[in-house]
Amino acid sequence: MNLISQVHKCSKYEVMSALRLVLCPTLASSSIKACLRAGAMYNISSDQSRQTKSSRSGVFLDIGKVHQWMCTVRIGKFIQEYAAVYLTAGLENILEEVLALCLDSGPEVNTALLETVVAASPELWGIFQPYAHLSSCRTSKGNLTVPKCLNM
């Protein structure tokens, strides 16, 4: 919200900056790559009248609903179409990463496994909490850990 307060415009650049600020570097780079891929596919799709925004950009989540949510919560006075495409692609990438971790842990994904995987990862646990800035580098049990990106 502070990124767009001066011009009251939300564009794809503000979404990418927010992803870089909120996510760990590895998750942010994969999310930004997904955003760029979705934006490119959305831009080059030719049959605009017969396809939804989601199918044009190659994402499964509904871009129209995300854009409607962005307008409802008043992220900015003007919200560019590409901002909704980028935010949807970024959210979908985060969900894919969580699902991949769940599938690595067990053959069947259920709520208990999902909670266990998110609780064990400091990168994921922080972004699923309402006050992520207070729980930086901590797991759900309060153990202090170093994120994978800094663990070189």
Protein backbone atom coordinates (compact mmCIF):
# COMPACT_ATOMS: atom_id res chain seq x y z
CA MET A 1 0.00 0.00 0.00
CA ASN A 2 2.85 2.42 0.78
CA LEU A 3 4.45 1.72 -2.59
CA ILE A 4 1.51 3.26 -4.44
CA SER A 5 0.55 6.06 -2.06
CA GLN A 6 2.25 8.85 -4.04
CA VAL A 7 0.62 8.33 -7.45
CA HIS A 8 -2.36 6.16 -6.40
CA LYS A 9 -1.63 3.74 -9.22
CA CYS A 10 -0.99 0.02 -8.92
CA SER A 11 0.96 -1.41 -11.82
CA LYS A 12 2.93 -4.59 -12.44
CA TYR A 13 6.05 -2.88 -11.10
CA GLU A 14 4.47 -2.31 -7.68
CA VAL A 15 3.38 -5.96 -7.57
CA MET A 16 6.89 -7.16 -8.41
CA SER A 17 8.41 -4.82 -5.79
CA ALA A 18 5.97 -6.10 -3.18
CA LEU A 19 6.86 -9.70 -4.01
CA ARG A 20 10.56 -8.88 -3.59
CA LEU A 21 9.88 -7.21 -0.23
CA VAL A 22 7.62 -9.88 1.26
CA LEU A 23 9.05 -13.17 0.01
CA CYS A 24 12.42 -14.77 0.55
CA PRO A 25 14.79 -14.26 -2.43
CA THR A 26 14.38 -17.72 -3.96
CA LEU A 27 10.59 -17.68 -3.72
CA ALA A 28 10.48 -14.08 -4.92
CA SER A 29 12.57 -14.82 -8.01
CA SER A 30 10.45 -17.84 -8.96
CA SER A 31 7.26 -15.82 -8.41
CA ILE A 32 8.55 -12.94 -10.53
CA LYS A 33 9.49 -15.37 -13.30
CA ALA A 34 5.94 -16.74 -13.16
CA CYS A 35 4.60 -13.16 -13.33
CA LEU A 36 6.73 -12.33 -16.36
CA ARG A 37 5.71 -15.56 -18.09
CA ALA A 38 2.00 -14.91 -17.45
CA GLY A 39 2.32 -11.29 -18.57
CA ALA A 40 4.03 -12.31 -21.80
CA MET A 41 1.41 -14.94 -22.55
CA TYR A 42 -1.35 -12.45 -21.78
CA ASN A 43 0.24 -9.88 -24.08
CA ILE A 44 0.68 -12.15 -27.10
CA SER A 45 -2.68 -13.90 -26.94
CA SER A 46 -4.55 -13.01 -30.11
CA ASP A 47 -8.15 -14.09 -29.55
CA GLN A 48 -9.15 -11.66 -26.82
CA SER A 49 -12.91 -11.94 -27.17
CA ARG A 50 -13.24 -15.70 -26.73
CA GLN A 51 -10.88 -16.36 -23.84
CA THR A 52 -10.84 -15.33 -20.22
CA LYS A 53 -7.92 -13.36 -18.82
CA SER A 54 -6.81 -16.45 -16.91
CA SER A 55 -6.72 -18.68 -19.98
CA ARG A 56 -4.97 -15.97 -22.00
CA SER A 57 -2.21 -15.73 -19.39
CA GLY A 58 -1.97 -19.45 -18.65
CA VAL A 59 -2.91 -19.37 -14.96
CA PHE A 60 -5.58 -21.39 -13.20
CA LEU A 61 -6.70 -18.83 -10.61
CA ASP A 62 -9.31 -16.30 -11.70
CA ILE A 63 -7.65 -13.01 -12.65
CA GLY A 64 -11.01 -11.24 -12.77
CA LYS A 65 -11.72 -12.12 -9.13
CA VAL A 66 -8.25 -10.95 -8.06
CA HIS A 67 -8.74 -7.68 -9.95
CA GLN A 68 -12.16 -7.26 -8.35
CA TRP A 69 -10.62 -7.87 -4.90
CA MET A 70 -7.89 -5.30 -5.63
CA CYS A 71 -10.57 -2.75 -6.48
CA THR A 72 -12.70 -3.66 -3.45
CA VAL A 73 -9.89 -3.19 -0.94
CA ARG A 74 -8.86 0.01 -2.75
CA ILE A 75 -5.22 -0.79 -3.38
CA GLY A 76 -5.12 2.26 -5.62
CA LYS A 77 -7.37 4.63 -7.53
CA PHE A 78 -6.20 3.06 -10.77
CA ILE A 79 -5.28 -0.61 -10.94
CA GLN A 80 -3.69 -1.71 -14.18
CA GLU A 81 -4.84 -4.93 -15.77
CA TYR A 82 -1.31 -6.31 -15.71
CA ALA A 83 -1.12 -5.78 -11.93
CA ALA A 84 -3.93 -8.29 -11.49
CA VAL A 85 -2.25 -10.69 -13.93
CA TYR A 86 1.06 -10.44 -12.07
CA LEU A 87 -0.50 -10.77 -8.61
CA THR A 88 -2.51 -13.81 -9.68
CA ALA A 89 0.55 -15.48 -11.21
CA GLY A 90 2.60 -14.73 -8.09
CA LEU A 91 -0.06 -16.18 -5.79
CA GLU A 92 -0.39 -19.25 -7.96
CA ASN A 93 3.38 -19.77 -7.88
CA ILE A 94 3.43 -19.60 -4.08
CA LEU A 95 0.63 -22.16 -3.93
CA GLU A 96 2.52 -24.43 -6.34
CA GLU A 97 5.63 -24.23 -4.15
CA VAL A 98 3.60 -25.17 -1.06
CA LEU A 99 1.98 -28.06 -2.92
CA ALA A 100 5.37 -29.29 -4.17
CA LEU A 101 6.69 -29.34 -0.60
CA CYS A 102 3.60 -31.23 0.53
CA LEU A 103 4.01 -33.82 -2.22
CA ASP A 104 7.67 -34.28 -1.25
CA SER A 105 6.59 -35.03 2.32
CA GLY A 106 3.87 -37.57 1.55
CA PRO A 107 1.83 -39.15 -1.20
CA GLU A 108 -1.47 -37.64 -0.07
CA VAL A 109 -2.08 -33.97 0.68
CA ASN A 110 -4.37 -33.22 3.60
CA THR A 111 -4.76 -30.33 6.03
CA ALA A 112 -2.49 -31.89 8.67
CA LEU A 113 0.33 -32.35 6.16
CA LEU A 114 -0.21 -28.82 4.85
CA GLU A 115 0.01 -27.36 8.36
CA THR A 116 3.12 -29.42 9.11
CA VAL A 117 4.91 -28.32 5.93
CA VAL A 118 4.06 -24.65 6.42
CA ALA A 119 4.99 -24.78 10.12
CA ALA A 120 8.37 -26.37 9.35
CA SER A 121 9.38 -23.77 6.77
CA PRO A 122 10.34 -20.32 8.07
CA GLU A 123 10.01 -18.83 4.57
CA LEU A 124 6.42 -20.03 4.23
CA TRP A 125 5.26 -19.78 7.81
CA GLY A 126 5.98 -16.06 7.99
CA ILE A 127 3.93 -15.16 4.92
CA PHE A 128 0.91 -17.14 6.09
CA GLN A 129 0.74 -15.23 9.40
CA PRO A 130 -1.12 -11.94 9.83
CA TYR A 131 1.95 -10.25 11.35
CA ALA A 132 4.83 -11.71 9.36
CA HIS A 133 7.28 -8.99 10.38
CA LEU A 134 7.08 -10.17 14.01
CA SER A 135 7.90 -13.80 13.22
CA SER A 136 10.86 -13.40 10.90
CA CYS A 137 13.10 -16.49 10.72
CA ARG A 138 11.00 -18.45 13.20
CA THR A 139 9.04 -21.66 12.81
CA SER A 140 5.58 -22.15 14.30
CA LYS A 141 7.20 -23.57 17.47
CA GLY A 142 9.26 -20.40 17.92
CA ASN A 143 12.60 -21.94 16.99
CA LEU A 144 14.98 -19.47 15.41
CA THR A 145 16.21 -20.72 12.03
CA VAL A 146 18.19 -19.31 9.18
CA PRO A 147 16.31 -19.29 5.84
CA LYS A 148 17.59 -21.53 3.06
CA CYS A 149 18.62 -18.53 0.97
CA LEU A 150 21.05 -17.38 3.70
CA ASN A 151 22.21 -20.90 4.57
CA MET A 152 25.05 -21.03 2.02
